[in-house]
Amino acid sequence: MKRLEEAGIITRYAAVLDGRKLGLRAFAYVHVSLTDHAEATVRTFSDFVAEDDQVIECASITGDADFVLKVAARDPEGLEAFIMKRILRLGVVRNANTNFILRQTKVGGALPIPDSDDG
């Protein structure tokens, strides 16, 4: 473990929490399209994502949207409030398309370690 830490392969440790026991019963993927790709626009959005605890994950993606967020809330109304009062009021989001997660069939954070012949 020490060698993996020193090599930078292990970047941090985290506890896996049970969202239901924390009262989080609504999760969604929010596909976000920005109004433009100016540096200030991207910075505003990135700063928001970095500081907001409801955003569990964020990735820049290909396709129709610019980013996909995984968002947690206590209930569907909490997700609606997050989208309507937080995301869309940033002033840099053109569109937000939401997919509610009905049931998570696999949740994990472990990355596969490729075999040396996997390339």
PDB file of N, CA and C in Angstrom:
ATOM      1  N   MET A   1       0.826  -1.184   0.000  1.00  0.00           N
ATOM      2  CA  MET A   1       0.000   0.000   0.000  1.00  0.00           C
ATOM      3  C   MET A   1       0.878   1.258   0.000  1.00  0.00           C
ATOM      4  N   LYS A   2       1.923   1.218   0.802  1.00  0.00           N
ATOM      5  CA  LYS A   2       2.813   2.371   0.899  1.00  0.00           C
ATOM      6  C   LYS A   2       3.432   2.697  -0.462  1.00  0.00           C
ATOM      7  N   ARG A   3       3.873   1.647  -1.201  1.00  0.00           N
ATOM      8  CA  ARG A   3       4.467   1.865  -2.527  1.00  0.00           C
ATOM      9  C   ARG A   3       3.439   2.449  -3.489  1.00  0.00           C
ATOM     10  N   LEU A   4       2.190   1.981  -3.425  1.00  0.00           N
ATOM     11  CA  LEU A   4       1.141   2.515  -4.297  1.00  0.00           C
ATOM     12  C   LEU A   4       0.856   3.975  -3.963  1.00  0.00           C
ATOM     13  N   GLU A   5       0.869   4.319  -2.693  1.00  0.00           N
ATOM     14  CA  GLU A   5       0.687   5.716  -2.283  1.00  0.00           C
ATOM     15  C   GLU A   5       1.834   6.577  -2.803  1.00  0.00           C
ATOM     16  N   GLU A   6       3.049   6.111  -2.609  1.00  0.00           N
ATOM     17  CA  GLU A   6       4.222   6.874  -3.029  1.00  0.00           C
ATOM     18  C   GLU A   6       4.280   7.040  -4.541  1.00  0.00           C
ATOM     19  N   ALA A   7       3.785   6.040  -5.269  1.00  0.00           N
ATOM     20  CA  ALA A   7       3.766   6.111  -6.734  1.00  0.00           C
ATOM     21  C   ALA A   7       2.620   6.972  -7.257  1.00  0.00           C
ATOM     22  N   GLY A   8       1.738   7.425  -6.349  1.00  0.00           N
ATOM     23  CA  GLY A   8       0.614   8.257  -6.775  1.00  0.00           C
ATOM     24  C   GLY A   8      -0.546   7.461  -7.342  1.00  0.00           C
ATOM     25  N   ILE A   9      -0.502   6.139  -7.233  1.00  0.00           N
ATOM     26  CA  ILE A   9      -1.604   5.318  -7.732  1.00  0.00           C
ATOM     27  C   ILE A   9      -2.790   5.409  -6.781  1.00  0.00           C
ATOM     28  N   ILE A  10      -2.536   5.382  -5.485  1.00  0.00           N
ATOM     29  CA  ILE A  10      -3.588   5.643  -4.499  1.00  0.00           C
ATOM     30  C   ILE A  10      -3.566   7.138  -4.247  1.00  0.00           C
ATOM     31  N   THR A  11      -4.651   7.808  -4.605  1.00  0.00           N
ATOM     32  CA  THR A  11      -4.691   9.263  -4.465  1.00  0.00           C
ATOM     33  C   THR A  11      -5.424   9.718  -3.206  1.00  0.00           C
ATOM     34  N   ARG A  12      -6.323   8.853  -2.675  1.00  0.00           N
ATOM     35  CA  ARG A  12      -7.030   9.190  -1.439  1.00  0.00           C
ATOM     36  C   ARG A  12      -7.777   7.963  -0.956  1.00  0.00           C
ATOM     37  N   TYR A  13      -8.256   8.052   0.271  1.00  0.00           N
ATOM     38  CA  TYR A  13      -9.081   7.009   0.867  1.00  0.00           C
ATOM     39  C   TYR A  13     -10.456   7.614   1.132  1.00  0.00           C
ATOM     40  N   ALA A  14     -11.498   6.783   1.023  1.00  0.00           N
ATOM     41  CA  ALA A  14     -12.851   7.281   1.251  1.00  0.00           C
ATOM     42  C   ALA A  14     -13.708   6.194   1.871  1.00  0.00           C
ATOM     43  N   ALA A  15     -14.659   6.601   2.687  1.00  0.00           N
ATOM     44  CA  ALA A  15     -15.641   5.678   3.252  1.00  0.00           C
ATOM     45  C   ALA A  15     -16.831   5.619   2.306  1.00  0.00           C
ATOM     46  N   VAL A  16     -17.391   4.441   2.130  1.00  0.00           N
ATOM     47  CA  VAL A  16     -18.587   4.270   1.301  1.00  0.00           C
ATOM     48  C   VAL A  16     -19.781   4.325   2.241  1.00  0.00           C
ATOM     49  N   LEU A  17     -20.632   5.334   2.050  1.00  0.00           N
ATOM     50  CA  LEU A  17     -21.772   5.569   2.940  1.00  0.00           C
ATOM     51  C   LEU A  17     -23.062   5.074   2.308  1.00  0.00           C
ATOM     52  N   ASP A  18     -24.001   4.691   3.136  1.00  0.00           N
ATOM     53  CA  ASP A  18     -25.324   4.263   2.684  1.00  0.00           C
ATOM     54  C   ASP A  18     -26.205   5.501   2.558  1.00  0.00           C
ATOM     55  N   GLY A  19     -26.469   5.910   1.304  1.00  0.00           N
ATOM     56  CA  GLY A  19     -27.260   7.117   1.054  1.00  0.00           C
ATOM     57  C   GLY A  19     -28.645   7.058   1.661  1.00  0.00           C
ATOM     58  N   ARG A  20     -29.278   5.898   1.621  1.00  0.00           N
ATOM     59  CA  ARG A  20     -30.627   5.763   2.190  1.00  0.00           C
ATOM     60  C   ARG A  20     -30.627   6.064   3.691  1.00  0.00           C
ATOM     61  N   LYS A  21     -29.613   5.567   4.392  1.00  0.00           N
ATOM     62  CA  LYS A  21     -29.548   5.798   5.835  1.00  0.00           C
ATOM     63  C   LYS A  21     -29.235   7.255   6.153  1.00  0.00           C
ATOM     64  N   LEU A  22     -28.693   7.961   5.177  1.00  0.00           N
ATOM     65  CA  LEU A  22     -28.444   9.396   5.336  1.00  0.00           C
ATOM     66  C   LEU A  22     -29.654  10.230   4.923  1.00  0.00           C
ATOM     67  N   GLY A  23     -30.703   9.556   4.449  1.00  0.00           N
ATOM     68  CA  GLY A  23     -31.910  10.269   4.018  1.00  0.00           C
ATOM     69  C   GLY A  23     -31.877  10.718   2.577  1.00  0.00           C
ATOM     70  N   LEU A  24     -30.907  10.239   1.812  1.00  0.00           N
ATOM     71  CA  LEU A  24     -30.829  10.582   0.386  1.00  0.00           C
ATOM     72  C   LEU A  24     -31.552   9.497  -0.405  1.00  0.00           C
ATOM     73  N   ARG A  25     -32.706   9.839  -0.952  1.00  0.00           N
ATOM     74  CA  ARG A  25     -33.543   8.851  -1.622  1.00  0.00           C
ATOM     75  C   ARG A  25     -33.776   9.164  -3.097  1.00  0.00           C
ATOM     76  N   ALA A  26     -33.111  10.182  -3.594  1.00  0.00           N
ATOM     77  CA  ALA A  26     -33.279  10.545  -5.011  1.00  0.00           C
ATOM     78  C   ALA A  26     -31.910  10.838  -5.620  1.00  0.00           C
ATOM     79  N   PHE A  27     -31.626  10.132  -6.694  1.00  0.00           N
ATOM     80  CA  PHE A  27     -30.379  10.322  -7.424  1.00  0.00           C
ATOM     81  C   PHE A  27     -30.711  10.494  -8.898  1.00  0.00           C
ATOM     82  N   ALA A  28     -29.911  11.280  -9.593  1.00  0.00           N
ATOM     83  CA  ALA A  28     -30.168  11.510 -11.015  1.00  0.00           C
ATOM     84  C   ALA A  28     -28.872  11.823 -11.739  1.00  0.00           C
ATOM     85  N   TYR A  29     -28.888  11.548 -13.036  1.00  0.00           N
ATOM     86  CA  TYR A  29     -27.832  12.008 -13.934  1.00  0.00           C
ATOM     87  C   TYR A  29     -28.395  13.228 -14.644  1.00  0.00           C
ATOM     88  N   VAL A  30     -27.671  14.323 -14.577  1.00  0.00           N
ATOM     89  CA  VAL A  30     -28.101  15.571 -15.213  1.00  0.00           C
ATOM     90  C   VAL A  30     -27.105  15.886 -16.323  1.00  0.00           C
ATOM     91  N   HIS A  31     -27.594  15.864 -17.555  1.00  0.00           N
ATOM     92  CA  HIS A  31     -26.775  16.193 -18.721  1.00  0.00           C
ATOM     93  C   HIS A  31     -26.898  17.697 -18.940  1.00  0.00           C
ATOM     94  N   VAL A  32     -25.772  18.391 -18.893  1.00  0.00           N
ATOM     95  CA  VAL A  32     -25.764  19.852 -18.923  1.00  0.00           C
ATOM     96  C   VAL A  32     -25.087  20.356 -20.191  1.00  0.00           C
ATOM     97  N   SER A  33     -25.760  21.274 -20.873  1.00  0.00           N
ATOM     98  CA  SER A  33     -25.175  21.991 -22.010  1.00  0.00           C
ATOM     99  C   SER A  33     -24.974  23.443 -21.592  1.00  0.00           C
ATOM    100  N   LEU A  34     -23.771  23.947 -21.795  1.00  0.00           N
ATOM    101  CA  LEU A  34     -23.474  25.336 -21.443  1.00  0.00           C
ATOM    102  C   LEU A  34     -23.912  26.280 -22.552  1.00  0.00           C
ATOM    103  N   THR A  35     -24.076  27.546 -22.199  1.00  0.00           N
ATOM    104  CA  THR A  35     -24.488  28.550 -23.185  1.00  0.00           C
ATOM    105  C   THR A  35     -23.409  28.769 -24.240  1.00  0.00           C
ATOM    106  N   ASP A  36     -22.152  28.652 -23.820  1.00  0.00           N
ATOM    107  CA  ASP A  36     -21.011  28.770 -24.732  1.00  0.00           C
ATOM    108  C   ASP A  36     -19.818  28.122 -24.053  1.00  0.00           C
ATOM    109  N   HIS A  37     -18.679  28.161 -24.699  1.00  0.00           N
ATOM    110  CA  HIS A  37     -17.499  27.526 -24.135  1.00  0.00           C
ATOM    111  C   HIS A  37     -16.397  28.531 -23.802  1.00  0.00           C
ATOM    112  N   ALA A  38     -16.818  29.760 -23.547  1.00  0.00           N
ATOM    113  CA  ALA A  38     -15.867  30.792 -23.143  1.00  0.00           C
ATOM    114  C   ALA A  38     -15.247  30.409 -21.799  1.00  0.00           C
ATOM    115  N   GLU A  39     -14.032  30.851 -21.580  1.00  0.00           N
ATOM    116  CA  GLU A  39     -13.309  30.506 -20.358  1.00  0.00           C
ATOM    117  C   GLU A  39     -14.098  30.873 -19.101  1.00  0.00           C
ATOM    118  N   ALA A  40     -14.715  32.040 -19.097  1.00  0.00           N
ATOM    119  CA  ALA A  40     -15.473  32.486 -17.924  1.00  0.00           C
ATOM    120  C   ALA A  40     -16.689  31.601 -17.678  1.00  0.00           C
ATOM    121  N   THR A  41     -17.343  31.154 -18.737  1.00  0.00           N
ATOM    122  CA  THR A  41     -18.514  30.280 -18.615  1.00  0.00           C
ATOM    123  C   THR A  41     -18.119  28.945 -18.007  1.00  0.00           C
ATOM    124  N   VAL A  42     -17.085  28.343 -18.557  1.00  0.00           N
ATOM    125  CA  VAL A  42     -16.614  27.042 -18.064  1.00  0.00           C
ATOM    126  C   VAL A  42     -16.133  27.170 -16.625  1.00  0.00           C
ATOM    127  N   ARG A  43     -15.452  28.239 -16.294  1.00  0.00           N
ATOM    128  CA  ARG A  43     -14.956  28.455 -14.935  1.00  0.00           C
ATOM    129  C   ARG A  43     -16.124  28.601 -13.954  1.00  0.00           C
ATOM    130  N   THR A  44     -17.149  29.363 -14.325  1.00  0.00           N
ATOM    131  CA  THR A  44     -18.320  29.524 -13.459  1.00  0.00           C
ATOM    132  C   THR A  44     -18.955  28.176 -13.156  1.00  0.00           C
ATOM    133  N   PHE A  45     -19.140  27.365 -14.198  1.00  0.00           N
ATOM    134  CA  PHE A  45     -19.745  26.057 -14.023  1.00  0.00           C
ATOM    135  C   PHE A  45     -18.835  25.137 -13.202  1.00  0.00           C
ATOM    136  N   SER A  46     -17.565  25.099 -13.524  1.00  0.00           N
ATOM    137  CA  SER A  46     -16.615  24.238 -12.808  1.00  0.00           C
ATOM    138  C   SER A  46     -16.503  24.612 -11.339  1.00  0.00           C
ATOM    139  N   ASP A  47     -16.499  25.900 -11.037  1.00  0.00           N
ATOM    140  CA  ASP A  47     -16.444  26.350  -9.647  1.00  0.00           C
ATOM    141  C   ASP A  47     -17.693  25.906  -8.891  1.00  0.00           C
ATOM    142  N   PHE A  48     -18.852  26.026  -9.528  1.00  0.00           N
ATOM    143  CA  PHE A  48     -20.103  25.587  -8.911  1.00  0.00           C
ATOM    144  C   PHE A  48     -20.043  24.097  -8.583  1.00  0.00           C
ATOM    145  N   VAL A  49     -19.634  23.296  -9.553  1.00  0.00           N
ATOM    146  CA  VAL A  49     -19.571  21.843  -9.373  1.00  0.00           C
ATOM    147  C   VAL A  49     -18.601  21.478  -8.253  1.00  0.00           C
ATOM    148  N   ALA A  50     -17.450  22.126  -8.217  1.00  0.00           N
ATOM    149  CA  ALA A  50     -16.437  21.814  -7.211  1.00  0.00           C
ATOM    150  C   ALA A  50     -16.923  22.120  -5.794  1.00  0.00           C
ATOM    151  N   GLU A  51     -17.781  23.119  -5.649  1.00  0.00           N
ATOM    152  CA  GLU A  51     -18.213  23.571  -4.331  1.00  0.00           C
ATOM    153  C   GLU A  51     -19.530  22.969  -3.869  1.00  0.00           C
ATOM    154  N   ASP A  52     -20.312  22.376  -4.761  1.00  0.00           N
ATOM    155  CA  ASP A  52     -21.649  21.909  -4.395  1.00  0.00           C
ATOM    156  C   ASP A  52     -21.623  20.456  -3.927  1.00  0.00           C
ATOM    157  N   ASP A  53     -22.081  20.218  -2.709  1.00  0.00           N
ATOM    158  CA  ASP A  53     -22.059  18.874  -2.135  1.00  0.00           C
ATOM    159  C   ASP A  53     -23.065  17.920  -2.763  1.00  0.00           C
ATOM    160  N   GLN A  54     -24.112  18.443  -3.401  1.00  0.00           N
ATOM    161  CA  GLN A  54     -25.097  17.564  -4.025  1.00  0.00           C
ATOM    162  C   GLN A  54     -24.555  16.910  -5.289  1.00  0.00           C
ATOM    163  N   VAL A  55     -23.532  17.499  -5.875  1.00  0.00           N
ATOM    164  CA  VAL A  55     -22.916  16.925  -7.072  1.00  0.00           C
ATOM    165  C   VAL A  55     -21.903  15.883  -6.608  1.00  0.00           C
ATOM    166  N   ILE A  56     -22.229  14.616  -6.877  1.00  0.00           N
ATOM    167  CA  ILE A  56     -21.371  13.511  -6.460  1.00  0.00           C
ATOM    168  C   ILE A  56     -20.264  13.281  -7.471  1.00  0.00           C
ATOM    169  N   GLU A  57     -20.603  13.402  -8.752  1.00  0.00           N
ATOM    170  CA  GLU A  57     -19.642  13.193  -9.835  1.00  0.00           C
ATOM    171  C   GLU A  57     -19.914  14.204 -10.933  1.00  0.00           C
ATOM    172  N   CYS A  58     -18.873  14.538 -11.685  1.00  0.00           N
ATOM    173  CA  CYS A  58     -19.010  15.400 -12.852  1.00  0.00           C
ATOM    174  C   CYS A  58     -17.991  14.960 -13.879  1.00  0.00           C
ATOM    175  N   ALA A  59     -18.444  14.864 -15.135  1.00  0.00           N
ATOM    176  CA  ALA A  59     -17.536  14.494 -16.222  1.00  0.00           C
ATOM    177  C   ALA A  59     -17.856  15.314 -17.456  1.00  0.00           C
ATOM    178  N   SER A  60     -16.820  15.733 -18.152  1.00  0.00           N
ATOM    179  CA  SER A  60     -16.961  16.357 -19.466  1.00  0.00           C
ATOM    180  C   SER A  60     -17.181  15.208 -20.446  1.00  0.00           C
ATOM    181  N   ILE A  61     -18.180  15.335 -21.322  1.00  0.00           N
ATOM    182  CA  ILE A  61     -18.547  14.212 -22.185  1.00  0.00           C
ATOM    183  C   ILE A  61     -18.667  14.621 -23.647  1.00  0.00           C
ATOM    184  N   THR A  62     -18.717  13.619 -24.504  1.00  0.00           N
ATOM    185  CA  THR A  62     -18.996  13.837 -25.918  1.00  0.00           C
ATOM    186  C   THR A  62     -20.492  13.700 -26.126  1.00  0.00           C
ATOM    187  N   GLY A  63     -20.972  14.125 -27.283  1.00  0.00           N
ATOM    188  CA  GLY A  63     -22.396  13.996 -27.589  1.00  0.00           C
ATOM    189  C   GLY A  63     -23.111  15.326 -27.507  1.00  0.00           C
ATOM    190  N   ASP A  64     -24.398  15.268 -27.227  1.00  0.00           N
ATOM    191  CA  ASP A  64     -25.242  16.465 -27.238  1.00  0.00           C
ATOM    192  C   ASP A  64     -24.999  17.401 -26.059  1.00  0.00           C
ATOM    193  N   ALA A  65     -24.555  16.875 -24.936  1.00  0.00           N
ATOM    194  CA  ALA A  65     -24.322  17.697 -23.745  1.00  0.00           C
ATOM    195  C   ALA A  65     -22.820  17.918 -23.549  1.00  0.00           C
ATOM    196  N   ASP A  66     -22.499  18.899 -22.717  1.00  0.00           N
ATOM    197  CA  ASP A  66     -21.101  19.197 -22.398  1.00  0.00           C
ATOM    198  C   ASP A  66     -20.609  18.423 -21.179  1.00  0.00           C
ATOM    199  N   PHE A  67     -21.500  18.238 -20.199  1.00  0.00           N
ATOM    200  CA  PHE A  67     -21.152  17.575 -18.942  1.00  0.00           C
ATOM    201  C   PHE A  67     -22.283  16.660 -18.512  1.00  0.00           C
ATOM    202  N   VAL A  68     -21.937  15.651 -17.714  1.00  0.00           N
ATOM    203  CA  VAL A  68     -22.951  14.857 -17.021  1.00  0.00           C
ATOM    204  C   VAL A  68     -22.601  14.896 -15.543  1.00  0.00           C
ATOM    205  N   LEU A  69     -23.617  15.171 -14.729  1.00  0.00           N
ATOM    206  CA  LEU A  69     -23.468  15.227 -13.280  1.00  0.00           C
ATOM    207  C   LEU A  69     -24.248  14.084 -12.667  1.00  0.00           C
ATOM    208  N   LYS A  70     -23.733  13.509 -11.598  1.00  0.00           N
ATOM    209  CA  LYS A  70     -24.531  12.614 -10.768  1.00  0.00           C
ATOM    210  C   LYS A  70     -24.865  13.422  -9.530  1.00  0.00           C
ATOM    211  N   VAL A  71     -26.162  13.534  -9.257  1.00  0.00           N
ATOM    212  CA  VAL A  71     -26.648  14.427  -8.214  1.00  0.00           C
ATOM    213  C   VAL A  71     -27.463  13.631  -7.196  1.00  0.00           C
ATOM    214  N   ALA A  72     -27.333  13.982  -5.919  1.00  0.00           N
ATOM    215  CA  ALA A  72     -28.076  13.343  -4.836  1.00  0.00           C
ATOM    216  C   ALA A  72     -28.960  14.364  -4.141  1.00  0.00           C
ATOM    217  N   ALA A  73     -30.148  13.891  -3.699  1.00  0.00           N
ATOM    218  CA  ALA A  73     -31.066  14.749  -2.945  1.00  0.00           C
ATOM    219  C   ALA A  73     -31.911  13.871  -2.017  1.00  0.00           C
ATOM    220  N   ARG A  74     -32.594  14.518  -1.109  1.00  0.00           N
ATOM    221  CA  ARG A  74     -33.454  13.774  -0.179  1.00  0.00           C
ATOM    222  C   ARG A  74     -34.659  13.157  -0.892  1.00  0.00           C
ATOM    223  N   ASP A  75     -35.174  13.854  -1.897  1.00  0.00           N
ATOM    224  CA  ASP A  75     -36.377  13.381  -2.578  1.00  0.00           C
ATOM    225  C   ASP A  75     -36.447  14.031  -3.955  1.00  0.00           C
ATOM    226  N   PRO A  76     -37.412  13.630  -4.805  1.00  0.00           N
ATOM    227  CA  PRO A  76     -37.515  14.234  -6.142  1.00  0.00           C
ATOM    228  C   PRO A  76     -37.694  15.753  -6.117  1.00  0.00           C
ATOM    229  N   GLU A  77     -38.397  16.254  -5.110  1.00  0.00           N
ATOM    230  CA  GLU A  77     -38.565  17.705  -5.001  1.00  0.00           C
ATOM    231  C   GLU A  77     -37.232  18.392  -4.744  1.00  0.00           C
ATOM    232  N   GLY A  78     -36.363  17.730  -3.995  1.00  0.00           N
ATOM    233  CA  GLY A  78     -35.027  18.270  -3.759  1.00  0.00           C
ATOM    234  C   GLY A  78     -34.210  18.319  -5.036  1.00  0.00           C
ATOM    235  N   LEU A  79     -34.369  17.297  -5.886  1.00  0.00           N
ATOM    236  CA  LEU A  79     -33.685  17.317  -7.182  1.00  0.00           C
ATOM    237  C   LEU A  79     -34.230  18.426  -8.062  1.00  0.00           C
ATOM    238  N   GLU A  80     -35.553  18.599  -8.045  1.00  0.00           N
ATOM    239  CA  GLU A  80     -36.144  19.672  -8.830  1.00  0.00           C
ATOM    240  C   GLU A  80     -35.615  21.029  -8.375  1.00  0.00           C
ATOM    241  N   ALA A  81     -35.558  21.239  -7.075  1.00  0.00           N
ATOM    242  CA  ALA A  81     -35.050  22.508  -6.546  1.00  0.00           C
ATOM    243  C   ALA A  81     -33.594  22.717  -6.950  1.00  0.00           C
ATOM    244  N   PHE A  82     -32.794  21.664  -6.880  1.00  0.00           N
ATOM    245  CA  PHE A  82     -31.390  21.772  -7.283  1.00  0.00           C
ATOM    246  C   PHE A  82     -31.283  22.212  -8.743  1.00  0.00           C
ATOM    247  N   ILE A  83     -32.063  21.589  -9.611  1.00  0.00           N
ATOM    248  CA  ILE A  83     -31.990  21.907 -11.039  1.00  0.00           C
ATOM    249  C   ILE A  83     -32.534  23.305 -11.318  1.00  0.00           C
ATOM    250  N   MET A  84     -33.710  23.599 -10.808  1.00  0.00           N
ATOM    251  CA  MET A  84     -34.367  24.867 -11.124  1.00  0.00           C
ATOM    252  C   MET A  84     -33.725  26.074 -10.431  1.00  0.00           C
ATOM    253  N   LYS A  85     -33.329  25.901  -9.179  1.00  0.00           N
ATOM    254  CA  LYS A  85     -32.853  27.042  -8.394  1.00  0.00           C
ATOM    255  C   LYS A  85     -31.335  27.155  -8.323  1.00  0.00           C
ATOM    256  N   ARG A  86     -30.639  26.102  -8.692  1.00  0.00           N
ATOM    257  CA  ARG A  86     -29.188  26.153  -8.594  1.00  0.00           C
ATOM    258  C   ARG A  86     -28.546  26.092  -9.977  1.00  0.00           C
ATOM    259  N   ILE A  87     -28.780  24.980 -10.681  1.00  0.00           N
ATOM    260  CA  ILE A  87     -28.132  24.785 -11.990  1.00  0.00           C
ATOM    261  C   ILE A  87     -28.595  25.829 -13.003  1.00  0.00           C
ATOM    262  N   LEU A  88     -29.890  25.923 -13.205  1.00  0.00           N
ATOM    263  CA  LEU A  88     -30.396  26.808 -14.260  1.00  0.00           C
ATOM    264  C   LEU A  88     -30.227  28.284 -13.926  1.00  0.00           C
ATOM    265  N   ARG A  89     -30.082  28.625 -12.676  1.00  0.00           N
ATOM    266  CA  ARG A  89     -29.882  30.031 -12.289  1.00  0.00           C
ATOM    267  C   ARG A  89     -28.431  30.470 -12.310  1.00  0.00           C
ATOM    268  N   LEU A  90     -27.538  29.562 -12.674  1.00  0.00           N
ATOM    269  CA  LEU A  90     -26.130  29.947 -12.789  1.00  0.00           C
ATOM    270  C   LEU A  90     -25.916  30.988 -13.878  1.00  0.00           C
ATOM    271  N   GLY A  91     -26.791  30.968 -14.873  1.00  0.00           N
ATOM    272  CA  GLY A  91     -26.652  31.908 -15.980  1.00  0.00           C
ATOM    273  C   GLY A  91     -25.723  31.430 -17.082  1.00  0.00           C
ATOM    274  N   VAL A  92     -25.192  30.205 -16.954  1.00  0.00           N
ATOM    275  CA  VAL A  92     -24.282  29.685 -17.969  1.00  0.00           C
ATOM    276  C   VAL A  92     -24.769  28.361 -18.558  1.00  0.00           C
ATOM    277  N   VAL A  93     -25.940  27.908 -18.101  1.00  0.00           N
ATOM    278  CA  VAL A  93     -26.479  26.630 -18.567  1.00  0.00           C
ATOM    279  C   VAL A  93     -27.600  26.880 -19.574  1.00  0.00           C
ATOM    280  N   ARG A  94     -27.408  26.355 -20.784  1.00  0.00           N
ATOM    281  CA  ARG A  94     -28.415  26.475 -21.835  1.00  0.00           C
ATOM    282  C   ARG A  94     -29.521  25.451 -21.645  1.00  0.00           C
ATOM    283  N   ASN A  95     -29.119  24.210 -21.249  1.00  0.00           N
ATOM    284  CA  ASN A  95     -30.095  23.131 -21.147  1.00  0.00           C
ATOM    285  C   ASN A  95     -29.618  22.123 -20.112  1.00  0.00           C
ATOM    286  N   ALA A  96     -30.580  21.544 -19.402  1.00  0.00           N
ATOM    287  CA  ALA A  96     -30.292  20.455 -18.464  1.00  0.00           C
ATOM    288  C   ALA A  96     -31.319  19.367 -18.682  1.00  0.00           C
ATOM    289  N   ASN A  97     -30.849  18.177 -19.042  1.00  0.00           N
ATOM    290  CA  ASN A  97     -31.709  17.028 -19.292  1.00  0.00           C
ATOM    291  C   ASN A  97     -31.444  16.018 -18.185  1.00  0.00           C
ATOM    292  N   THR A  98     -32.496  15.647 -17.456  1.00  0.00           N
ATOM    293  CA  THR A  98     -32.330  14.824 -16.258  1.00  0.00           C
ATOM    294  C   THR A  98     -32.871  13.418 -16.450  1.00  0.00           C
ATOM    295  N   ASN A  99     -32.084  12.445 -15.993  1.00  0.00           N
ATOM    296  CA  ASN A  99     -32.506  11.049 -15.944  1.00  0.00           C
ATOM    297  C   ASN A  99     -32.485  10.607 -14.481  1.00  0.00           C
ATOM    298  N   PHE A 100     -33.672  10.335 -13.918  1.00  0.00           N
ATOM    299  CA  PHE A 100     -33.753   9.848 -12.553  1.00  0.00           C
ATOM    300  C   PHE A 100     -33.243   8.413 -12.498  1.00  0.00           C
ATOM    301  N   ILE A 101     -32.504   8.101 -11.469  1.00  0.00           N
ATOM    302  CA  ILE A 101     -32.025   6.737 -11.259  1.00  0.00           C
ATOM    303  C   ILE A 101     -33.112   5.997 -10.488  1.00  0.00           C
ATOM    304  N   LEU A 102     -33.686   4.984 -11.108  1.00  0.00           N
ATOM    305  CA  LEU A 102     -34.739   4.212 -10.465  1.00  0.00           C
ATOM    306  C   LEU A 102     -34.172   3.236  -9.443  1.00  0.00           C
ATOM    307  N   ARG A 103     -33.114   2.543  -9.840  1.00  0.00           N
ATOM    308  CA  ARG A 103     -32.474   1.569  -8.963  1.00  0.00           C
ATOM    309  C   ARG A 103     -31.028   1.447  -9.405  1.00  0.00           C
ATOM    310  N   GLN A 104     -30.136   1.458  -8.450  1.00  0.00           N
ATOM    311  CA  GLN A 104     -28.724   1.272  -8.772  1.00  0.00           C
ATOM    312  C   GLN A 104     -28.398  -0.207  -8.644  1.00  0.00           C
ATOM    313  N   THR A 105     -27.927  -0.794  -9.724  1.00  0.00           N
ATOM    314  CA  THR A 105     -27.624  -2.217  -9.711  1.00  0.00           C
ATOM    315  C   THR A 105     -26.163  -2.500  -9.395  1.00  0.00           C
ATOM    316  N   LYS A 106     -25.314  -1.490  -9.537  1.00  0.00           N
ATOM    317  CA  LYS A 106     -23.914  -1.635  -9.148  1.00  0.00           C
ATOM    318  C   LYS A 106     -23.387  -0.265  -8.750  1.00  0.00           C
ATOM    319  N   VAL A 107     -22.841  -0.200  -7.576  1.00  0.00           N
ATOM    320  CA  VAL A 107     -22.246   1.030  -7.077  1.00  0.00           C
ATOM    321  C   VAL A 107     -20.858   0.679  -6.572  1.00  0.00           C
ATOM    322  N   GLY A 108     -19.880   1.379  -7.035  1.00  0.00           N
ATOM    323  CA  GLY A 108     -18.525   1.104  -6.585  1.00  0.00           C
ATOM    324  C   GLY A 108     -17.589   2.203  -7.006  1.00  0.00           C
ATOM    325  N   GLY A 109     -16.439   2.165  -6.452  1.00  0.00           N
ATOM    326  CA  GLY A 109     -15.451   3.153  -6.820  1.00  0.00           C
ATOM    327  C   GLY A 109     -14.140   2.519  -7.217  1.00  0.00           C
ATOM    328  N   ALA A 110     -14.095   1.203  -7.125  1.00  0.00           N
ATOM    329  CA  ALA A 110     -12.847   0.509  -7.424  1.00  0.00           C
ATOM    330  C   ALA A 110     -12.594   0.504  -8.926  1.00  0.00           C
ATOM    331  N   LEU A 111     -11.375   0.827  -9.297  1.00  0.00           N
ATOM    332  CA  LEU A 111     -10.986   0.782 -10.703  1.00  0.00           C
ATOM    333  C   LEU A 111     -10.350  -0.568 -11.013  1.00  0.00           C
ATOM    334  N   PRO A 112     -10.599  -1.084 -12.208  1.00  0.00           N
ATOM    335  CA  PRO A 112      -9.948  -2.347 -12.563  1.00  0.00           C
ATOM    336  C   PRO A 112      -8.452  -2.113 -12.772  1.00  0.00           C
ATOM    337  N   ILE A 113      -7.659  -3.054 -12.351  1.00  0.00           N
ATOM    338  CA  ILE A 113      -6.214  -2.972 -12.560  1.00  0.00           C
ATOM    339  C   ILE A 113      -5.910  -3.804 -13.806  1.00  0.00           C
ATOM    340  N   PRO A 114      -5.482  -3.146 -14.888  1.00  0.00           N
ATOM    341  CA  PRO A 114      -5.267  -3.885 -16.134  1.00  0.00           C
ATOM    342  C   PRO A 114      -4.090  -4.848 -16.030  1.00  0.00           C
ATOM    343  N   ASP A 115      -4.247  -5.985 -16.721  1.00  0.00           N
ATOM    344  CA  ASP A 115      -3.135  -6.921 -16.845  1.00  0.00           C
ATOM    345  C   ASP A 115      -2.089  -6.294 -17.741  1.00  0.00           C
ATOM    346  N   SER A 116      -0.860  -6.725 -17.622  1.00  0.00           N
ATOM    347  CA  SER A 116       0.213  -6.157 -18.424  1.00  0.00           C
ATOM    348  C   SER A 116      -0.009  -6.367 -19.919  1.00  0.00           C
ATOM    349  N   ASP A 117      -0.773  -7.390 -20.303  1.00  0.00           N
ATOM    350  CA  ASP A 117      -1.012  -7.635 -21.730  1.00  0.00           C
ATOM    351  C   ASP A 117      -2.296  -6.985 -22.229  1.00  0.00           C
ATOM    352  N   ASP A 118      -3.012  -6.193 -21.364  1.00  0.00           N
ATOM    353  CA  ASP A 118      -4.227  -5.487 -21.781  1.00  0.00           C
ATOM    354  C   ASP A 118      -3.912  -4.245 -22.602  1.00  0.00           C
ATOM    355  N   GLY A 119      -2.710  -3.766 -22.578  1.00  0.00           N
ATOM    356  CA  GLY A 119      -2.295  -2.609 -23.359  1.00  0.00           C
ATOM    357  C   GLY A 119      -2.741  -1.382 -22.714  1.00  0.00           C
TER     358      GLY A 119
END
